């Protein structure tokens, strides 16, 4: 398959709009374009980022009204509003580790 002049022009235009090492560009609440590049003369790569991983970071546990801590066989699970939100850890049970989550 030969290289189309239109495809080459499109790659050049798109590449000019997205500088190297650019941060993902938000488009409303939908997916974000995080990379555009030529893979081969007739193949264009467009990488969309749908969500981000938010990793749980240990923090001091501050009890809130309605918190419930239950043993689960491997440790202690914190329930807020009846839903598991993370683990209570440490010898004094004073550290909260929220679960990882995908946002966006």
C-alpha atoms as a PDB file:
ATOM      1  CA  UNK A   1       0.000   0.000   0.000  1.00  0.00           C
ATOM      2  CA  UNK A   2       1.487   3.355  -1.010  1.00  0.00           C
ATOM      3  CA  UNK A   3       1.654   6.343   1.272  1.00  0.00           C
ATOM      4  CA  UNK A   4      -1.247   8.694   0.758  1.00  0.00           C
ATOM      5  CA  UNK A   5      -0.376  12.402   0.525  1.00  0.00           C
ATOM      6  CA  UNK A   6      -3.531  13.137   2.523  1.00  0.00           C
ATOM      7  CA  UNK A   7      -2.460  10.754   5.313  1.00  0.00           C
ATOM      8  CA  UNK A   8       1.009  12.322   5.404  1.00  0.00           C
ATOM      9  CA  UNK A   9      -0.488  15.814   5.623  1.00  0.00           C
ATOM     10  CA  UNK A  10      -2.845  14.672   8.380  1.00  0.00           C
ATOM     11  CA  UNK A  11       0.030  13.205  10.407  1.00  0.00           C
ATOM     12  CA  UNK A  12       2.006  16.439  10.036  1.00  0.00           C
ATOM     13  CA  UNK A  13      -0.953  18.578  11.128  1.00  0.00           C
ATOM     14  CA  UNK A  14      -1.781  16.372  14.092  1.00  0.00           C
ATOM     15  CA  UNK A  15       1.857  16.126  15.176  1.00  0.00           C
ATOM     16  CA  UNK A  16       2.194  19.914  15.054  1.00  0.00           C
ATOM     17  CA  UNK A  17      -0.812  20.231  17.373  1.00  0.00           C
ATOM     18  CA  UNK A  18       0.605  17.847  19.985  1.00  0.00           C
ATOM     19  CA  UNK A  19       4.192  18.657  20.972  1.00  0.00           C
ATOM     20  CA  UNK A  20       6.460  15.894  22.238  1.00  0.00           C
ATOM     21  CA  UNK A  21       5.923  15.024  25.913  1.00  0.00           C
ATOM     22  CA  UNK A  22       2.653  16.970  25.980  1.00  0.00           C
ATOM     23  CA  UNK A  23       0.188  16.398  28.759  1.00  0.00           C
ATOM     24  CA  UNK A  24      -3.059  14.689  27.725  1.00  0.00           C
ATOM     25  CA  UNK A  25      -5.563  17.175  26.345  1.00  0.00           C
ATOM     26  CA  UNK A  26      -9.026  17.091  27.924  1.00  0.00           C
ATOM     27  CA  UNK A  27     -11.962  17.012  25.535  1.00  0.00           C
ATOM     28  CA  UNK A  28     -15.044  17.565  27.661  1.00  0.00           C
ATOM     29  CA  UNK A  29     -15.629  14.666  30.023  1.00  0.00           C
ATOM     30  CA  UNK A  30     -14.682  12.052  27.461  1.00  0.00           C
ATOM     31  CA  UNK A  31     -11.422  10.384  26.514  1.00  0.00           C
ATOM     32  CA  UNK A  32      -8.233  12.437  26.079  1.00  0.00           C
ATOM     33  CA  UNK A  33      -5.760  12.227  23.219  1.00  0.00           C
ATOM     34  CA  UNK A  34      -2.391  11.503  24.831  1.00  0.00           C
ATOM     35  CA  UNK A  35      -0.265  10.669  21.769  1.00  0.00           C
ATOM     36  CA  UNK A  36      -0.441  10.840  17.979  1.00  0.00           C
ATOM     37  CA  UNK A  37       2.223   9.428  15.716  1.00  0.00           C
ATOM     38  CA  UNK A  38       3.035   7.579  12.538  1.00  0.00           C
ATOM     39  CA  UNK A  39       3.611   3.865  13.053  1.00  0.00           C
ATOM     40  CA  UNK A  40       4.237   3.076   9.392  1.00  0.00           C
ATOM     41  CA  UNK A  41       3.785   4.962   6.114  1.00  0.00           C
ATOM     42  CA  UNK A  42       0.122   3.983   5.987  1.00  0.00           C
ATOM     43  CA  UNK A  43      -0.680   3.597   9.714  1.00  0.00           C
ATOM     44  CA  UNK A  44      -1.478   6.390  12.156  1.00  0.00           C
ATOM     45  CA  UNK A  45      -1.444   5.732  15.918  1.00  0.00           C
ATOM     46  CA  UNK A  46      -3.833   7.717  18.134  1.00  0.00           C
ATOM     47  CA  UNK A  47      -3.663   6.892  21.858  1.00  0.00           C
ATOM     48  CA  UNK A  48      -6.716   7.756  23.926  1.00  0.00           C
ATOM     49  CA  UNK A  49      -6.625   7.908  27.715  1.00  0.00           C
ATOM     50  CA  UNK A  50      -9.981   7.053  29.232  1.00  0.00           C
ATOM     51  CA  UNK A  51      -9.156   7.202  32.938  1.00  0.00           C
ATOM     52  CA  UNK A  52      -6.376   7.583  35.446  1.00  0.00           C
ATOM     53  CA  UNK A  53      -5.344   5.304  38.288  1.00  0.00           C
ATOM     54  CA  UNK A  54      -5.534   6.953  41.697  1.00  0.00           C
ATOM     55  CA  UNK A  55      -3.360   4.895  44.028  1.00  0.00           C
ATOM     56  CA  UNK A  56      -4.281   4.648  47.692  1.00  0.00           C
ATOM     57  CA  UNK A  57      -1.732   6.382  49.892  1.00  0.00           C
ATOM     58  CA  UNK A  58      -1.392   5.579  53.571  1.00  0.00           C
ATOM     59  CA  UNK A  59      -2.617   8.347  55.846  1.00  0.00           C
ATOM     60  CA  UNK A  60      -3.544   8.708  59.509  1.00  0.00           C
ATOM     61  CA  UNK A  61      -6.948   7.180  60.202  1.00  0.00           C
ATOM     62  CA  UNK A  62      -9.481   9.766  61.340  1.00  0.00           C
ATOM     63  CA  UNK A  63     -12.749   8.099  62.309  1.00  0.00           C
ATOM     64  CA  UNK A  64     -15.924   9.538  60.803  1.00  0.00           C
ATOM     65  CA  UNK A  65     -19.472   9.007  62.064  1.00  0.00           C
ATOM     66  CA  UNK A  66     -20.794   5.695  60.786  1.00  0.00           C
ATOM     67  CA  UNK A  67     -17.386   4.129  60.110  1.00  0.00           C
ATOM     68  CA  UNK A  68     -17.327   0.386  60.562  1.00  0.00           C
ATOM     69  CA  UNK A  69     -14.130  -1.666  60.778  1.00  0.00           C
ATOM     70  CA  UNK A  70     -14.445  -5.384  60.085  1.00  0.00           C
ATOM     71  CA  UNK A  71     -11.831  -8.130  60.103  1.00  0.00           C
ATOM     72  CA  UNK A  72     -11.610  -9.849  56.715  1.00  0.00           C
ATOM     73  CA  UNK A  73      -9.191 -12.710  57.412  1.00  0.00           C
ATOM     74  CA  UNK A  74      -6.129 -10.781  56.225  1.00  0.00           C
ATOM     75  CA  UNK A  75      -6.602  -7.513  58.087  1.00  0.00           C
ATOM     76  CA  UNK A  76      -9.255  -4.908  58.792  1.00  0.00           C
ATOM     77  CA  UNK A  77     -11.560  -3.381  56.183  1.00  0.00           C
ATOM     78  CA  UNK A  78     -13.037   0.101  56.609  1.00  0.00           C
ATOM     79  CA  UNK A  79     -16.643   0.522  55.520  1.00  0.00           C
ATOM     80  CA  UNK A  80     -18.112   3.992  55.005  1.00  0.00           C
ATOM     81  CA  UNK A  81     -21.750   4.224  54.097  1.00  0.00           C
ATOM     82  CA  UNK A  82     -21.790   0.421  54.023  1.00  0.00           C
ATOM     83  CA  UNK A  83     -19.179   0.283  51.234  1.00  0.00           C
ATOM     84  CA  UNK A  84     -15.578  -0.939  51.630  1.00  0.00           C
ATOM     85  CA  UNK A  85     -13.228   1.994  50.985  1.00  0.00           C
ATOM     86  CA  UNK A  86      -9.869   0.697  52.202  1.00  0.00           C
ATOM     87  CA  UNK A  87      -7.931  -1.014  54.968  1.00  0.00           C
ATOM     88  CA  UNK A  88      -7.020  -0.028  58.498  1.00  0.00           C
ATOM     89  CA  UNK A  89      -3.421  -1.069  59.150  1.00  0.00           C
ATOM     90  CA  UNK A  90      -0.660  -0.744  61.705  1.00  0.00           C
ATOM     91  CA  UNK A  91      -0.191  -2.250  65.147  1.00  0.00           C
ATOM     92  CA  UNK A  92      -2.364   0.490  66.670  1.00  0.00           C
ATOM     93  CA  UNK A  93      -4.930   0.381  63.814  1.00  0.00           C
ATOM     94  CA  UNK A  94      -4.305   4.073  63.242  1.00  0.00           C
ATOM     95  CA  UNK A  95      -3.364   4.118  59.537  1.00  0.00           C
ATOM     96  CA  UNK A  96      -5.893   4.203  56.673  1.00  0.00           C
ATOM     97  CA  UNK A  97      -4.968   2.887  53.230  1.00  0.00           C
ATOM     98  CA  UNK A  98      -7.714   3.671  50.681  1.00  0.00           C
ATOM     99  CA  UNK A  99      -8.233   1.257  47.798  1.00  0.00           C
ATOM    100  CA  UNK A 100      -6.788   2.107  44.390  1.00  0.00           C
ATOM    101  CA  UNK A 101      -9.390   3.520  42.018  1.00  0.00           C
ATOM    102  CA  UNK A 102      -9.790   4.408  38.355  1.00  0.00           C
ATOM    103  CA  UNK A 103     -11.148   7.918  37.877  1.00  0.00           C
ATOM    104  CA  UNK A 104     -12.253   9.716  34.749  1.00  0.00           C
END
